[in-house]
Protein backbone atom coordinates (compact mmCIF):
# COMPACT_ATOMS: atom_id res chain seq x y z
CA UNK A 1 101.19 139.03 110.85
CA UNK A 2 100.54 134.88 110.78
CA UNK A 3 96.94 134.56 109.78
CA UNK A 4 95.78 131.22 112.22
CA UNK A 5 94.34 128.29 109.61
CA UNK A 6 90.50 127.37 111.70
CA UNK A 7 90.01 123.45 110.76
CA UNK A 8 86.85 121.48 111.38
CA UNK A 9 86.80 117.73 111.10
CA UNK A 10 83.70 115.78 111.08
CA UNK A 11 82.04 118.69 112.77
CA UNK A 12 84.16 119.96 115.46
CA UNK A 13 85.98 122.99 114.83
CA UNK A 14 89.79 124.08 115.94
CA UNK A 15 91.33 126.76 116.59
CA UNK A 16 94.83 125.75 115.23
CA UNK A 17 96.22 122.46 112.78
CA UNK A 18 98.17 122.41 116.08
CA UNK A 19 95.20 121.48 118.60
CA UNK A 20 93.24 119.04 115.81
CA UNK A 21 96.73 117.10 115.11
CA UNK A 22 96.97 116.68 118.74
CA UNK A 23 93.78 115.70 119.49
CA UNK A 24 93.37 112.86 116.98
CA UNK A 25 96.75 111.68 117.72
CA UNK A 26 98.52 112.54 114.25
CA UNK A 27 101.21 114.89 112.87
CA UNK A 28 100.36 118.23 111.68
CA UNK A 29 101.26 117.49 108.40
CA UNK A 30 99.16 114.90 108.32
CA UNK A 31 96.26 117.52 109.01
CA UNK A 32 97.35 119.65 106.13
CA UNK A 33 97.40 116.86 103.67
CA UNK A 34 93.89 115.66 104.46
CA UNK A 35 92.91 119.26 103.84
CA UNK A 36 94.78 119.85 100.33
CA UNK A 37 92.90 116.98 99.57
CA UNK A 38 89.94 118.25 100.39
CA UNK A 39 89.15 115.03 103.19
CA UNK A 40 89.24 116.83 105.97
CA UNK A 41 87.48 114.21 107.82
CA UNK A 42 90.19 110.92 107.03
CA UNK A 43 92.13 112.45 110.10
CA UNK A 44 92.58 110.48 112.63
CA UNK A 45 90.59 106.67 111.46
CA UNK A 46 93.44 105.17 109.32
CA UNK A 47 94.05 101.78 110.22
CA UNK A 48 97.03 101.59 110.93
CA UNK A 49 98.25 104.66 111.89
CA UNK A 50 101.33 105.27 114.30
CA UNK A 51 101.48 107.60 117.33
CA UNK A 52 103.79 110.92 116.38
CA UNK A 53 106.41 109.35 118.74
CA UNK A 54 107.01 106.61 116.17
CA UNK A 55 107.50 108.90 112.97
CA UNK A 56 110.76 110.49 114.98
CA UNK A 57 112.60 107.07 115.71
CA UNK A 58 112.19 105.77 112.84
CA UNK A 59 111.99 102.75 113.95
CA UNK A 60 108.81 100.21 113.41
CA UNK A 61 106.25 99.84 116.32
CA UNK A 62 105.98 97.16 119.06
CA UNK A 63 104.46 93.85 118.14
CA UNK A 64 103.42 91.28 120.45
CA UNK A 65 102.15 88.04 119.48
CA UNK A 66 101.66 85.54 122.07
CA UNK A 67 102.75 86.87 124.63
CA UNK A 68 106.44 87.86 123.59
CA UNK A 69 106.79 91.39 122.00
CA UNK A 70 109.29 92.22 119.32
CA UNK A 71 111.04 95.97 118.51
CA UNK A 72 108.44 95.42 115.43
CA UNK A 73 106.45 93.69 113.00
CA UNK A 74 109.52 93.51 110.71
CA UNK A 75 111.88 91.32 113.24
CA UNK A 76 108.99 89.31 114.50
CA UNK A 77 108.72 87.68 111.25
CA UNK A 78 111.48 87.44 111.20
CA UNK A 79 112.61 85.64 114.54
CA UNK A 80 109.31 83.54 113.85
CA UNK A 81 111.78 82.12 110.44
CA UNK A 82 109.83 84.38 108.34
CA UNK A 83 110.73 85.93 105.44
CA UNK A 84 111.08 90.43 106.37
CA UNK A 85 107.25 91.31 105.34
CA UNK A 86 105.87 87.86 105.68
CA UNK A 87 103.84 89.48 108.98
CA UNK A 88 102.82 92.58 106.82
CA UNK A 89 101.41 91.09 103.99
CA UNK A 90 99.68 87.93 106.12
CA UNK A 91 97.91 90.99 108.62
CA UNK A 92 97.31 92.35 105.56
CA UNK A 93 95.26 89.17 103.76
CA UNK A 94 93.88 87.85 106.85
CA UNK A 95 94.10 84.45 106.05
CA UNK A 96 92.77 81.35 108.31
CA UNK A 97 95.62 79.04 107.40
CA UNK A 98 97.64 81.87 107.21
CA UNK A 99 97.06 82.88 110.74
CA UNK A 100 97.58 79.55 111.88
CA UNK A 101 100.48 78.82 110.40
CA UNK A 102 102.09 82.75 112.85
CA UNK A 103 100.13 81.47 115.94
CA UNK A 104 102.20 77.84 115.46
CA UNK A 105 105.28 79.31 115.03
CA UNK A 106 105.24 81.69 117.68
CA UNK A 107 104.28 78.78 119.73
CA UNK A 108 107.55 77.26 118.80
CA UNK A 109 109.29 80.20 118.70
CA UNK A 110 108.19 80.92 122.47
CA UNK A 111 109.12 77.04 123.31
CA UNK A 112 112.66 77.31 122.60
CA UNK A 113 112.72 80.26 124.43
CA UNK A 114 111.53 78.76 127.68
CA UNK A 115 114.03 75.70 125.94
CA UNK A 116 117.16 77.88 126.13
CA UNK A 117 116.54 79.24 129.53
CA UNK A 118 116.17 76.06 131.09
CA UNK A 119 119.56 75.17 129.35
CA UNK A 120 121.22 78.56 129.98
CA UNK A 121 119.65 77.54 134.39
CA UNK A 122 120.90 74.36 134.52
CA UNK A 123 124.81 74.91 133.07
CA UNK A 124 124.91 77.84 135.58
CA UNK A 125 123.68 75.39 138.74
CA UNK A 126 126.41 72.84 137.48
CA UNK A 127 129.34 75.24 138.03
CA UNK A 128 128.29 77.01 140.87
């Protein structure tokens, strides 16, 4: 017969690993891993945790900067003219100059997108 594992996280008791995982928005494997490390109180506290659905898709999370949403941080980095890992690395380090450079690139990207939309609109008006 299968044995139910009770989990205690930060003083709260959960009857099953599944219930604990759903409560904290993590995968069951995350709960089992924290239990095996002897640190169940760390569940759901780490920076950068992703919703469970993100793991299934195999793609990054959406990332929004200056009102523009990209499918992932890597896609944003490339669209803004940086190397693929630039934004991810910059967000971790958090230097003021780097953040200013990213903000400027985002504004430049937005301006280019608006100009392209205006050119497309004016081209359609001339044809019609």
